[in-house]
Amino acid sequence: MENTSKVTLKPAQEAFVKTANEEGFTTKITRKDIISLQSKLGITKPAWLMKSSAYRLGRGSYALPTIGQVAETNTIKSDSE
């Protein structure tokens, strides 16, 4: 599980995570939620997320990587310096 926190995402993957975060999904997303985002926003299905056992929480539910929190932490540190 340590490896998932240090994974660098490709730009398309980051875009999906940011879109999901903007829609209110910050830590967990379900297959139903992904399908809803597909129909609402016209995004492609995140196969990288759905096929990875590292992100799978259970049947049809997945943990979203927290790249937004890491970016916010880095900007706060750079602003205070």
PDB file of N, CA and C in Angstrom:
ATOM      1  N   MET A   1       0.804  -1.199   0.000  1.00  0.00           N
ATOM      2  CA  MET A   1       0.000   0.000   0.000  1.00  0.00           C
ATOM      3  C   MET A   1       0.848   1.265   0.000  1.00  0.00           C
ATOM      4  N   GLU A   2       2.078   1.202   0.462  1.00  0.00           N
ATOM      5  CA  GLU A   2       2.940   2.376   0.448  1.00  0.00           C
ATOM      6  C   GLU A   2       3.193   2.867  -0.966  1.00  0.00           C
ATOM      7  N   ASN A   3       3.270   1.960  -1.913  1.00  0.00           N
ATOM      8  CA  ASN A   3       3.566   2.326  -3.287  1.00  0.00           C
ATOM      9  C   ASN A   3       2.493   3.223  -3.890  1.00  0.00           C
ATOM     10  N   THR A   4       1.239   3.083  -3.504  1.00  0.00           N
ATOM     11  CA  THR A   4       0.181   3.902  -4.079  1.00  0.00           C
ATOM     12  C   THR A   4       0.318   5.369  -3.689  1.00  0.00           C
ATOM     13  N   SER A   5       0.899   5.672  -2.554  1.00  0.00           N
ATOM     14  CA  SER A   5       1.042   7.070  -2.155  1.00  0.00           C
ATOM     15  C   SER A   5       2.168   7.760  -2.905  1.00  0.00           C
ATOM     16  N   LYS A   6       3.090   6.998  -3.466  1.00  0.00           N
ATOM     17  CA  LYS A   6       4.223   7.585  -4.162  1.00  0.00           C
ATOM     18  C   LYS A   6       4.099   7.476  -5.679  1.00  0.00           C
ATOM     19  N   VAL A   7       2.973   6.992  -6.172  1.00  0.00           N
ATOM     20  CA  VAL A   7       2.768   6.818  -7.599  1.00  0.00           C
ATOM     21  C   VAL A   7       2.582   8.177  -8.255  1.00  0.00           C
ATOM     22  N   THR A   8       3.280   8.393  -9.371  1.00  0.00           N
ATOM     23  CA  THR A   8       3.066   9.608 -10.137  1.00  0.00           C
ATOM     24  C   THR A   8       2.077   9.278 -11.245  1.00  0.00           C
ATOM     25  N   LEU A   9       1.111  10.130 -11.401  1.00  0.00           N
ATOM     26  CA  LEU A   9       0.058   9.897 -12.372  1.00  0.00           C
ATOM     27  C   LEU A   9       0.361  10.611 -13.678  1.00  0.00           C
ATOM     28  N   LYS A  10      -0.131  10.031 -14.759  1.00  0.00           N
ATOM     29  CA  LYS A  10      -0.016  10.651 -16.075  1.00  0.00           C
ATOM     30  C   LYS A  10      -0.991  11.822 -16.132  1.00  0.00           C
ATOM     31  N   PRO A  11      -0.786  12.753 -17.056  1.00  0.00           N
ATOM     32  CA  PRO A  11      -1.674  13.927 -17.126  1.00  0.00           C
ATOM     33  C   PRO A  11      -3.155  13.581 -17.258  1.00  0.00           C
ATOM     34  N   ALA A  12      -3.502  12.568 -18.041  1.00  0.00           N
ATOM     35  CA  ALA A  12      -4.914  12.181 -18.188  1.00  0.00           C
ATOM     36  C   ALA A  12      -5.463  11.625 -16.879  1.00  0.00           C
ATOM     37  N   GLN A  13      -4.629  10.900 -16.141  1.00  0.00           N
ATOM     38  CA  GLN A  13      -5.045  10.357 -14.855  1.00  0.00           C
ATOM     39  C   GLN A  13      -5.251  11.477 -13.846  1.00  0.00           C
ATOM     40  N   GLU A  14      -4.340  12.436 -13.832  1.00  0.00           N
ATOM     41  CA  GLU A  14      -4.483  13.587 -12.935  1.00  0.00           C
ATOM     42  C   GLU A  14      -5.746  14.366 -13.258  1.00  0.00           C
ATOM     43  N   ALA A  15      -6.039  14.502 -14.546  1.00  0.00           N
ATOM     44  CA  ALA A  15      -7.232  15.233 -14.963  1.00  0.00           C
ATOM     45  C   ALA A  15      -8.489  14.539 -14.455  1.00  0.00           C
ATOM     46  N   PHE A  16      -8.519  13.201 -14.516  1.00  0.00           N
ATOM     47  CA  PHE A  16      -9.684  12.478 -14.009  1.00  0.00           C
ATOM     48  C   PHE A  16      -9.834  12.685 -12.506  1.00  0.00           C
ATOM     49  N   VAL A  17      -8.731  12.577 -11.768  1.00  0.00           N
ATOM     50  CA  VAL A  17      -8.795  12.728 -10.310  1.00  0.00           C
ATOM     51  C   VAL A  17      -9.251  14.138  -9.946  1.00  0.00           C
ATOM     52  N   LYS A  18      -8.739  15.146 -10.637  1.00  0.00           N
ATOM     53  CA  LYS A  18      -9.151  16.525 -10.357  1.00  0.00           C
ATOM     54  C   LYS A  18     -10.628  16.736 -10.669  1.00  0.00           C
ATOM     55  N   THR A  19     -11.087  16.143 -11.788  1.00  0.00           N
ATOM     56  CA  THR A  19     -12.501  16.248 -12.152  1.00  0.00           C
ATOM     57  C   THR A  19     -13.372  15.583 -11.098  1.00  0.00           C
ATOM     58  N   ALA A  20     -12.968  14.402 -10.652  1.00  0.00           N
ATOM     59  CA  ALA A  20     -13.718  13.691  -9.616  1.00  0.00           C
ATOM     60  C   ALA A  20     -13.730  14.488  -8.316  1.00  0.00           C
ATOM     61  N   ASN A  21     -12.608  15.101  -7.967  1.00  0.00           N
ATOM     62  CA  ASN A  21     -12.539  15.916  -6.755  1.00  0.00           C
ATOM     63  C   ASN A  21     -13.477  17.115  -6.847  1.00  0.00           C
ATOM     64  N   GLU A  22     -13.533  17.749  -8.028  1.00  0.00           N
ATOM     65  CA  GLU A  22     -14.415  18.902  -8.214  1.00  0.00           C
ATOM     66  C   GLU A  22     -15.885  18.507  -8.101  1.00  0.00           C
ATOM     67  N   GLU A  23     -16.193  17.266  -8.442  1.00  0.00           N
ATOM     68  CA  GLU A  23     -17.565  16.779  -8.356  1.00  0.00           C
ATOM     69  C   GLU A  23     -17.908  16.242  -6.968  1.00  0.00           C
ATOM     70  N   GLY A  24     -16.950  16.301  -6.041  1.00  0.00           N
ATOM     71  CA  GLY A  24     -17.228  15.920  -4.659  1.00  0.00           C
ATOM     72  C   GLY A  24     -16.693  14.561  -4.238  1.00  0.00           C
ATOM     73  N   PHE A  25     -15.997  13.868  -5.110  1.00  0.00           N
ATOM     74  CA  PHE A  25     -15.418  12.564  -4.779  1.00  0.00           C
ATOM     75  C   PHE A  25     -13.943  12.783  -4.433  1.00  0.00           C
ATOM     76  N   THR A  26     -13.620  12.717  -3.154  1.00  0.00           N
ATOM     77  CA  THR A  26     -12.251  13.027  -2.738  1.00  0.00           C
ATOM     78  C   THR A  26     -11.447  11.800  -2.354  1.00  0.00           C
ATOM     79  N   THR A  27     -12.044  10.834  -1.694  1.00  0.00           N
ATOM     80  CA  THR A  27     -11.275   9.676  -1.248  1.00  0.00           C
ATOM     81  C   THR A  27     -11.768   8.371  -1.846  1.00  0.00           C
ATOM     82  N   LYS A  28     -13.062   8.296  -2.139  1.00  0.00           N
ATOM     83  CA  LYS A  28     -13.664   7.049  -2.620  1.00  0.00           C
ATOM     84  C   LYS A  28     -14.612   7.348  -3.772  1.00  0.00           C
ATOM     85  N   ILE A  29     -14.621   6.458  -4.766  1.00  0.00           N
ATOM     86  CA  ILE A  29     -15.548   6.590  -5.888  1.00  0.00           C
ATOM     87  C   ILE A  29     -16.045   5.199  -6.260  1.00  0.00           C
ATOM     88  N   THR A  30     -17.293   5.096  -6.649  1.00  0.00           N
ATOM     89  CA  THR A  30     -17.848   3.807  -7.019  1.00  0.00           C
ATOM     90  C   THR A  30     -17.993   3.717  -8.542  1.00  0.00           C
ATOM     91  N   ARG A  31     -18.203   2.507  -9.016  1.00  0.00           N
ATOM     92  CA  ARG A  31     -18.401   2.301 -10.452  1.00  0.00           C
ATOM     93  C   ARG A  31     -19.610   3.105 -10.927  1.00  0.00           C
ATOM     94  N   LYS A  32     -20.653   3.141 -10.122  1.00  0.00           N
ATOM     95  CA  LYS A  32     -21.863   3.896 -10.456  1.00  0.00           C
ATOM     96  C   LYS A  32     -21.550   5.392 -10.590  1.00  0.00           C
ATOM     97  N   ASP A  33     -20.709   5.910  -9.694  1.00  0.00           N
ATOM     98  CA  ASP A  33     -20.301   7.316  -9.755  1.00  0.00           C
ATOM     99  C   ASP A  33     -19.500   7.602 -11.019  1.00  0.00           C
ATOM    100  N   ILE A  34     -18.632   6.668 -11.390  1.00  0.00           N
ATOM    101  CA  ILE A  34     -17.815   6.836 -12.596  1.00  0.00           C
ATOM    102  C   ILE A  34     -18.711   6.885 -13.827  1.00  0.00           C
ATOM    103  N   ILE A  35     -19.699   6.002 -13.893  1.00  0.00           N
ATOM    104  CA  ILE A  35     -20.626   5.988 -15.019  1.00  0.00           C
ATOM    105  C   ILE A  35     -21.423   7.292 -15.056  1.00  0.00           C
ATOM    106  N   SER A  36     -21.797   7.790 -13.893  1.00  0.00           N
ATOM    107  CA  SER A  36     -22.512   9.063 -13.811  1.00  0.00           C
ATOM    108  C   SER A  36     -21.652  10.211 -14.352  1.00  0.00           C
ATOM    109  N   LEU A  37     -20.373  10.230 -13.983  1.00  0.00           N
ATOM    110  CA  LEU A  37     -19.458  11.258 -14.484  1.00  0.00           C
ATOM    111  C   LEU A  37     -19.280  11.135 -15.995  1.00  0.00           C
ATOM    112  N   GLN A  38     -19.241   9.905 -16.494  1.00  0.00           N
ATOM    113  CA  GLN A  38     -19.109   9.692 -17.931  1.00  0.00           C
ATOM    114  C   GLN A  38     -20.274  10.306 -18.682  1.00  0.00           C
ATOM    115  N   SER A  39     -21.480  10.051 -18.227  1.00  0.00           N
ATOM    116  CA  SER A  39     -22.651  10.574 -18.932  1.00  0.00           C
ATOM    117  C   SER A  39     -22.798  12.081 -18.743  1.00  0.00           C
ATOM    118  N   LYS A  40     -22.435  12.584 -17.576  1.00  0.00           N
ATOM    119  CA  LYS A  40     -22.582  14.011 -17.277  1.00  0.00           C
ATOM    120  C   LYS A  40     -21.526  14.866 -17.974  1.00  0.00           C
ATOM    121  N   LEU A  41     -20.262  14.407 -17.932  1.00  0.00           N
ATOM    122  CA  LEU A  41     -19.154  15.220 -18.419  1.00  0.00           C
ATOM    123  C   LEU A  41     -18.513  14.701 -19.706  1.00  0.00           C
ATOM    124  N   GLY A  42     -18.875  13.502 -20.119  1.00  0.00           N
ATOM    125  CA  GLY A  42     -18.309  12.945 -21.345  1.00  0.00           C
ATOM    126  C   GLY A  42     -16.863  12.494 -21.212  1.00  0.00           C
ATOM    127  N   ILE A  43     -16.459  12.119 -20.023  1.00  0.00           N
ATOM    128  CA  ILE A  43     -15.084  11.658 -19.817  1.00  0.00           C
ATOM    129  C   ILE A  43     -14.970  10.178 -20.171  1.00  0.00           C
ATOM    130  N   THR A  44     -13.742   9.712 -20.352  1.00  0.00           N
ATOM    131  CA  THR A  44     -13.520   8.298 -20.637  1.00  0.00           C
ATOM    132  C   THR A  44     -13.414   7.517 -19.334  1.00  0.00           C
ATOM    133  N   LYS A  45     -13.719   6.239 -19.421  1.00  0.00           N
ATOM    134  CA  LYS A  45     -13.672   5.379 -18.239  1.00  0.00           C
ATOM    135  C   LYS A  45     -12.223   5.216 -17.788  1.00  0.00           C
ATOM    136  N   PRO A  46     -11.927   5.422 -16.505  1.00  0.00           N
ATOM    137  CA  PRO A  46     -10.555   5.306 -15.998  1.00  0.00           C
ATOM    138  C   PRO A  46     -10.167   3.840 -15.772  1.00  0.00           C
ATOM    139  N   ALA A  47      -9.778   3.167 -16.844  1.00  0.00           N
ATOM    140  CA  ALA A  47      -9.411   1.747 -16.745  1.00  0.00           C
ATOM    141  C   ALA A  47      -8.226   1.555 -15.803  1.00  0.00           C
ATOM    142  N   TRP A  48      -7.312   2.516 -15.760  1.00  0.00           N
ATOM    143  CA  TRP A  48      -6.142   2.430 -14.880  1.00  0.00           C
ATOM    144  C   TRP A  48      -6.565   2.336 -13.417  1.00  0.00           C
ATOM    145  N   LEU A  49      -7.671   2.981 -13.078  1.00  0.00           N
ATOM    146  CA  LEU A  49      -8.173   2.956 -11.707  1.00  0.00           C
ATOM    147  C   LEU A  49      -8.976   1.686 -11.429  1.00  0.00           C
ATOM    148  N   MET A  50      -9.813   1.329 -12.375  1.00  0.00           N
ATOM    149  CA  MET A  50     -10.732   0.217 -12.174  1.00  0.00           C
ATOM    150  C   MET A  50     -10.060  -1.152 -12.268  1.00  0.00           C
ATOM    151  N   LYS A  51      -8.941  -1.230 -12.976  1.00  0.00           N
ATOM    152  CA  LYS A  51      -8.275  -2.518 -13.139  1.00  0.00           C
ATOM    153  C   LYS A  51      -7.128  -2.731 -12.153  1.00  0.00           C
ATOM    154  N   SER A  52      -6.754  -1.712 -11.426  1.00  0.00           N
ATOM    155  CA  SER A  52      -5.655  -1.807 -10.480  1.00  0.00           C
ATOM    156  C   SER A  52      -6.138  -2.340  -9.135  1.00  0.00           C
ATOM    157  N   SER A  53      -5.523  -3.398  -8.676  1.00  0.00           N
ATOM    158  CA  SER A  53      -5.902  -3.955  -7.369  1.00  0.00           C
ATOM    159  C   SER A  53      -5.453  -3.044  -6.226  1.00  0.00           C
ATOM    160  N   ALA A  54      -4.493  -2.170  -6.484  1.00  0.00           N
ATOM    161  CA  ALA A  54      -4.010  -1.263  -5.445  1.00  0.00           C
ATOM    162  C   ALA A  54      -5.077  -0.242  -5.051  1.00  0.00           C
ATOM    163  N   TYR A  55      -5.946   0.148  -5.992  1.00  0.00           N
ATOM    164  CA  TYR A  55      -6.968   1.157  -5.723  1.00  0.00           C
ATOM    165  C   TYR A  55      -8.307   0.548  -5.354  1.00  0.00           C
ATOM    166  N   ARG A  56      -8.452  -0.756  -5.476  1.00  0.00           N
ATOM    167  CA  ARG A  56      -9.738  -1.405  -5.228  1.00  0.00           C
ATOM    168  C   ARG A  56     -10.017  -1.521  -3.726  1.00  0.00           C
ATOM    169  N   LEU A  57     -11.187  -1.029  -3.316  1.00  0.00           N
ATOM    170  CA  LEU A  57     -11.604  -1.124  -1.919  1.00  0.00           C
ATOM    171  C   LEU A  57     -12.549  -2.290  -1.705  1.00  0.00           C
ATOM    172  N   GLY A  58     -13.316  -2.597  -2.682  1.00  0.00           N
ATOM    173  CA  GLY A  58     -14.302  -3.663  -2.613  1.00  0.00           C
ATOM    174  C   GLY A  58     -14.964  -3.787  -3.969  1.00  0.00           C
ATOM    175  N   ARG A  59     -16.050  -4.508  -4.025  1.00  0.00           N
ATOM    176  CA  ARG A  59     -16.727  -4.691  -5.295  1.00  0.00           C
ATOM    177  C   ARG A  59     -17.326  -3.365  -5.777  1.00  0.00           C
ATOM    178  N   GLY A  60     -16.792  -2.874  -6.867  1.00  0.00           N
ATOM    179  CA  GLY A  60     -17.317  -1.655  -7.467  1.00  0.00           C
ATOM    180  C   GLY A  60     -16.958  -0.370  -6.755  1.00  0.00           C
ATOM    181  N   SER A  61     -16.012  -0.396  -5.833  1.00  0.00           N
ATOM    182  CA  SER A  61     -15.589   0.835  -5.162  1.00  0.00           C
ATOM    183  C   SER A  61     -14.070   0.943  -5.179  1.00  0.00           C
ATOM    184  N   TYR A  62     -13.602   2.160  -5.378  1.00  0.00           N
ATOM    185  CA  TYR A  62     -12.173   2.404  -5.584  1.00  0.00           C
ATOM    186  C   TYR A  62     -11.720   3.604  -4.762  1.00  0.00           C
ATOM    187  N   ALA A  63     -10.456   3.568  -4.344  1.00  0.00           N
ATOM    188  CA  ALA A  63      -9.853   4.688  -3.629  1.00  0.00           C
ATOM    189  C   ALA A  63      -9.228   5.630  -4.651  1.00  0.00           C
ATOM    190  N   LEU A  64      -9.536   6.894  -4.537  1.00  0.00           N
ATOM    191  CA  LEU A  64      -8.938   7.875  -5.435  1.00  0.00           C
ATOM    192  C   LEU A  64      -7.575   8.309  -4.897  1.00  0.00           C
ATOM    193  N   PRO A  65      -6.585   8.446  -5.772  1.00  0.00           N
ATOM    194  CA  PRO A  65      -5.305   8.996  -5.318  1.00  0.00           C
ATOM    195  C   PRO A  65      -5.513  10.433  -4.843  1.00  0.00           C
ATOM    196  N   THR A  66      -4.729  10.869  -3.897  1.00  0.00           N
ATOM    197  CA  THR A  66      -4.916  12.196  -3.307  1.00  0.00           C
ATOM    198  C   THR A  66      -3.872  13.182  -3.806  1.00  0.00           C
ATOM    199  N   ILE A  67      -3.786  13.371  -5.108  1.00  0.00           N
ATOM    200  CA  ILE A  67      -2.800  14.299  -5.649  1.00  0.00           C
ATOM    201  C   ILE A  67      -3.140  15.736  -5.306  1.00  0.00           C
ATOM    202  N   GLY A  68      -4.428  16.062  -5.148  1.00  0.00           N
ATOM    203  CA  GLY A  68      -4.829  17.418  -4.801  1.00  0.00           C
ATOM    204  C   GLY A  68      -4.309  17.840  -3.450  1.00  0.00           C
ATOM    205  N   GLN A  69      -4.361  16.943  -2.480  1.00  0.00           N
ATOM    206  CA  GLN A  69      -3.880  17.255  -1.139  1.00  0.00           C
ATOM    207  C   GLN A  69      -2.367  17.451  -1.138  1.00  0.00           C
ATOM    208  N   VAL A  70      -1.654  16.654  -1.909  1.00  0.00           N
ATOM    209  CA  VAL A  70      -0.199  16.795  -1.990  1.00  0.00           C
ATOM    210  C   VAL A  70       0.154  18.133  -2.612  1.00  0.00           C
ATOM    211  N   ALA A  71      -0.551  18.526  -3.676  1.00  0.00           N
ATOM    212  CA  ALA A  71      -0.284  19.805  -4.334  1.00  0.00           C
ATOM    213  C   ALA A  71      -0.588  20.974  -3.413  1.00  0.00           C
ATOM    214  N   GLU A  72      -1.676  20.894  -2.634  1.00  0.00           N
ATOM    215  CA  GLU A  72      -2.025  21.970  -1.717  1.00  0.00           C
ATOM    216  C   GLU A  72      -0.969  22.101  -0.622  1.00  0.00           C
ATOM    217  N   THR A  73      -0.465  20.991  -0.122  1.00  0.00           N
ATOM    218  CA  THR A  73       0.563  21.013   0.912  1.00  0.00           C
ATOM    219  C   THR A  73       1.828  21.674   0.387  1.00  0.00           C
ATOM    220  N   ASN A  74       2.221  21.363  -0.842  1.00  0.00           N
ATOM    221  CA  ASN A  74       3.421  21.942  -1.433  1.00  0.00           C
ATOM    222  C   ASN A  74       3.263  23.435  -1.644  1.00  0.00           C
ATOM    223  N   THR A  75       2.099  23.910  -2.074  1.00  0.00           N
ATOM    224  CA  THR A  75       1.912  25.332  -2.282  1.00  0.00           C
ATOM    225  C   THR A  75       1.897  26.087  -0.965  1.00  0.00           C
ATOM    226  N   ILE A  76       1.359  25.497   0.074  1.00  0.00           N
ATOM    227  CA  ILE A  76       1.351  26.155   1.382  1.00  0.00           C
ATOM    228  C   ILE A  76       2.780  26.312   1.882  1.00  0.00           C
ATOM    229  N   LYS A  77       3.601  25.297   1.727  1.00  0.00           N
ATOM    230  CA  LYS A  77       4.986  25.382   2.170  1.00  0.00           C
ATOM    231  C   LYS A  77       5.733  26.453   1.396  1.00  0.00           C
ATOM    232  N   SER A  78       5.535  26.525   0.065  1.00  0.00           N
ATOM    233  CA  SER A  78       6.281  27.484  -0.733  1.00  0.00           C
ATOM    234  C   SER A  78       5.811  28.913  -0.454  1.00  0.00           C
ATOM    235  N   ASP A  79       4.532  29.118  -0.101  1.00  0.00           N
ATOM    236  CA  ASP A  79       4.030  30.446   0.205  1.00  0.00           C
ATOM    237  C   ASP A  79       4.605  30.980   1.526  1.00  0.00           C
ATOM    238  N   SER A  80       4.806  30.102   2.484  1.00  0.00           N
ATOM    239  CA  SER A  80       5.266  30.547   3.795  1.00  0.00           C
ATOM    240  C   SER A  80       6.767  30.788   3.840  1.00  0.00           C
ATOM    241  N   GLU A  81       7.481  30.260   2.865  1.00  0.00           N
ATOM    242  CA  GLU A  81       8.949  30.431   2.885  1.00  0.00           C
ATOM    243  C   GLU A  81       9.385  31.782   2.407  1.00  0.00           C
TER     244      GLU A  81
END
